[in-house]
Protein backbone atom coordinates (compact mmCIF):
# COMPACT_ATOMS: atom_id res chain seq x y z
CA MET A 1 158.09 55.17 148.85
CA ALA A 2 161.58 56.47 149.60
CA TRP A 3 162.74 56.87 153.20
CA ASP A 4 163.81 60.45 152.42
CA SER A 5 160.27 61.36 151.35
CA LEU A 6 159.00 60.82 154.93
CA SER A 7 158.68 63.78 157.28
CA GLU A 8 161.21 64.17 160.09
CA SER A 9 158.67 63.09 162.74
CA GLU A 10 157.68 60.01 160.68
CA ARG A 11 161.34 59.02 160.24
CA GLN A 12 161.91 59.46 163.97
CA LEU A 13 158.92 57.23 164.83
CA LEU A 14 159.94 54.63 162.25
CA GLN A 15 163.69 54.72 162.87
CA GLY A 16 163.69 51.02 163.80
CA ALA A 17 162.56 50.20 160.25
CA GLU A 18 165.03 52.46 158.44
CA GLN A 19 167.53 49.72 157.52
CA ARG A 20 164.88 47.46 155.97
CA TRP A 21 162.54 50.19 154.68
CA SER A 22 163.53 49.79 151.02
CA SER A 23 163.01 46.01 151.17
CA LEU A 24 159.46 46.33 152.58
CA SER A 25 156.51 46.07 150.23
CA GLU A 26 154.45 49.17 149.57
CA THR A 27 151.63 47.69 151.66
CA GLN A 28 153.96 47.11 154.62
CA GLN A 29 155.37 50.63 154.33
CA ASP A 30 151.87 52.08 154.19
CA ARG A 31 150.79 50.09 157.25
CA LEU A 32 153.81 51.28 159.25
CA LEU A 33 153.26 54.85 158.13
CA ARG A 34 149.58 54.79 159.13
CA GLY A 35 150.56 53.36 162.50
CA ALA A 36 153.14 56.11 163.03
CA ARG A 37 150.59 58.78 162.13
CA ARG A 38 148.02 57.23 164.45
CA TRP A 39 150.62 57.08 167.25
CA SER A 40 151.57 60.74 166.81
CA SER A 41 147.89 61.77 167.02
CA MET A 42 147.37 59.97 170.38
CA SER A 43 147.40 61.65 173.75
CA SER A 44 150.03 60.50 176.28
CA GLU A 45 147.30 58.57 178.14
CA GLN A 46 146.30 56.77 174.94
CA ARG A 47 149.94 55.96 174.21
CA ASN A 48 150.44 54.50 177.69
CA ASN A 49 147.30 52.41 177.25
CA ALA A 50 148.52 51.21 173.84
CA ARG A 51 151.91 50.24 175.33
CA GLU A 52 150.19 48.29 178.12
CA GLN A 53 147.96 46.50 175.64
CA TYR A 54 150.94 45.66 173.45
CA GLU A 55 152.89 44.26 176.41
CA LYS A 56 149.84 42.26 177.47
CA TRP A 57 149.52 40.87 173.94
CA GLN A 58 153.22 39.95 173.81
CA SER A 59 152.96 38.12 177.15
CA LEU A 60 150.20 35.81 175.84
CA PRO A 61 151.21 32.32 174.71
CA GLN A 62 151.33 31.91 170.93
CA GLU A 63 148.39 29.50 171.00
CA ARG A 64 146.18 32.07 172.75
CA ARG A 65 147.22 34.81 170.30
CA ASN A 66 146.29 32.52 167.40
CA GLN A 67 142.89 31.86 169.00
CA LEU A 68 142.28 35.59 169.39
CA ARG A 69 143.33 36.27 165.79
CA GLU A 70 140.91 33.59 164.58
CA SER A 71 138.09 35.03 166.72
CA TYR A 72 138.76 38.48 165.32
CA ARG A 73 138.82 37.11 161.75
CA GLN A 74 135.44 35.47 162.35
CA TYR A 75 134.12 38.70 163.86
CA ARG A 76 135.18 40.70 160.78
CA GLU A 77 133.32 38.25 158.54
CA LEU A 78 130.05 38.82 160.39
CA PRO A 79 127.43 41.08 158.80
CA GLU A 80 127.73 44.72 159.85
CA GLU A 81 124.43 44.52 161.73
CA ARG A 82 125.69 41.64 163.88
CA ARG A 83 129.03 43.38 164.59
CA ASN A 84 127.16 46.50 165.71
CA SER A 85 124.99 44.50 168.13
CA ILE A 86 128.13 42.87 169.59
CA ARG A 87 129.78 46.29 170.02
CA GLU A 88 126.68 47.65 171.75
CA ALA A 89 126.49 44.66 174.10
CA ARG A 90 130.17 45.04 174.94
CA GLN A 91 129.72 48.75 175.62
CA LYS A 92 126.80 48.00 177.96
CA TYR A 93 128.91 45.40 179.73
CA ARG A 94 131.74 47.90 180.26
CA GLN A 95 129.29 50.37 181.78
CA MET A 96 128.11 47.86 184.39
CA SER A 97 129.34 48.01 187.96
CA PRO A 98 131.75 45.25 189.07
CA GLU A 99 128.88 43.60 191.00
CA GLN A 100 126.62 43.59 187.96
CA ARG A 101 129.42 42.13 185.86
CA GLU A 102 129.97 39.34 188.37
CA GLN A 103 126.25 38.55 188.40
CA MET A 104 126.28 38.47 184.60
CA ARG A 105 129.31 36.15 184.60
CA GLU A 106 127.61 33.86 187.10
CA ARG A 107 124.48 33.63 184.97
CA TRP A 108 126.66 32.97 181.94
CA ARG A 109 128.52 30.16 183.73
CA GLU A 110 125.24 28.55 184.71
CA ALA A 111 123.87 28.83 181.21
CA ARG A 112 127.07 27.40 179.72
CA GLY A 113 127.42 24.56 182.18
CA ASN A 114 129.93 26.28 184.47
CA ARG A 115 132.15 27.24 181.57
CA VAL A 116 133.61 30.72 181.33
CA SER A 117 133.10 32.21 177.87
CA GLY A 118 135.97 31.47 175.53
CA GLU A 119 137.69 28.98 177.83
CA ARG A 120 137.54 25.23 177.57
CA SER A 121 138.34 22.81 180.30
CA ARG A 122 141.42 20.71 179.70
CA GLY A 123 140.72 18.06 177.10
CA GLU A 124 137.48 19.68 175.88
CA LYS A 125 137.36 20.45 172.17
CA SER A 126 135.48 22.95 170.08
CA ARG A 127 132.72 21.81 167.74
CA ARG A 128 134.98 22.49 164.76
CA GLU A 129 137.75 20.34 166.25
CA ARG A 130 135.33 17.49 167.01
CA LEU A 131 133.89 17.55 163.47
CA ARG A 132 137.35 17.57 161.94
CA GLU A 133 138.41 14.58 164.04
CA GLU A 134 135.24 12.69 163.11
CA ARG A 135 135.87 13.34 159.41
CA LEU A 136 139.49 12.20 159.71
CA ARG A 137 138.45 9.12 161.69
CA GLY A 138 135.92 8.21 158.99
CA GLU A 139 138.55 8.61 156.27
CA ARG A 140 140.97 6.38 158.18
CA LEU A 141 138.28 3.73 158.67
CA ARG A 142 137.52 3.67 154.96
CA GLN A 143 141.20 3.40 154.10
CA ASP A 144 141.76 0.60 156.62
CA ARG A 145 139.07 -1.64 155.13
CA PRO A 146 140.32 -4.42 152.86
CA ARG A 147 139.66 -3.51 149.24
CA GLY A 148 136.82 -6.03 148.78
CA GLU A 149 135.00 -4.72 151.85
CA ARG A 150 134.91 -1.13 150.72
CA ARG A 151 131.55 0.26 149.81
CA ARG A 152 131.03 2.04 146.51
CA GLY A 153 130.88 5.45 148.23
CA ASP A 154 134.29 4.81 149.79
CA ARG A 155 136.14 4.42 146.52
CA PRO A 156 137.85 7.30 144.80
CA ARG A 157 135.93 8.68 141.82
CA ARG A 158 138.26 7.22 139.17
CA GLU A 159 137.95 3.79 140.74
CA GLN A 160 134.15 4.16 140.81
CA GLU A 161 134.09 5.04 137.10
CA ARG A 162 136.21 2.01 136.27
CA GLY A 163 133.91 -0.17 138.38
CA ARG A 164 130.82 1.13 136.59
CA ARG A 165 132.28 0.42 133.16
CA SER A 166 133.31 -3.11 134.09
CA GLU A 167 129.88 -3.80 135.66
CA GLU A 168 128.21 -2.69 132.41
CA SER A 169 130.48 -5.00 130.44
CA ARG A 170 129.66 -7.93 132.71
CA ARG A 171 125.94 -7.30 132.37
CA ARG A 172 126.19 -7.40 128.59
CA GLY A 173 128.32 -10.52 128.74
CA ARG A 174 131.22 -8.93 126.90
CA ARG A 175 134.83 -9.51 127.67
CA GLY A 176 136.61 -7.20 125.32
CA ASP A 177 136.47 -4.83 122.39
CA ALA A 178 136.73 -7.64 119.76
CA GLU A 179 133.37 -9.06 120.77
CA ARG A 180 131.35 -5.91 120.07
CA PRO A 181 128.55 -6.51 117.52
CA GLU A 182 129.94 -3.94 115.09
CA ASP A 183 133.27 -5.80 115.04
CA GLU A 184 131.74 -9.17 114.22
CA VAL A 185 132.41 -10.34 110.71
CA SER A 186 129.64 -12.21 108.97
CA ALA A 187 129.71 -14.26 105.79
CA ASP A 188 127.55 -11.61 104.08
CA THR A 189 130.11 -8.85 104.59
CA LEU A 190 132.98 -10.90 103.19
CA SER A 191 131.33 -11.63 99.85
């Protein structure tokens, strides 16, 4: 989309992107354009609120922003029914008086072992982090074992296949391809 094809008000709202507009992908241009249109349709109160929210977002540490993005991604993946129930619960919470909210928070802390929702005490890890560490620890333990002490399940697949073939050969008492029955030469076949 060419910069000149935008309306005057859209160009004014997007003037910060004018220099790089032609290098943006169509998706990026579309996203900026939708944002500009949404901004122009807001009341001054909504714009002030949006500015405050943006400043609040920018003041968050990068780690916290990443956590919030991940939470939102997980939320979007929920079934529509579950997202609706979360929205309804949040709306009910917003309609509570400050005293009711505090009582709710207190009950939540008690139910969660004095933890505030979404926050972890220093050093405490999420279930996902604990499982990942356990998996990595198990992999390291398997790799640290001397080769002879490794169990069959610890070996890479290719190594397991090789082991199976050599075990079969040992069971049959064969040492190489030349000793296969079909390769044996008998006096009958030579005459």
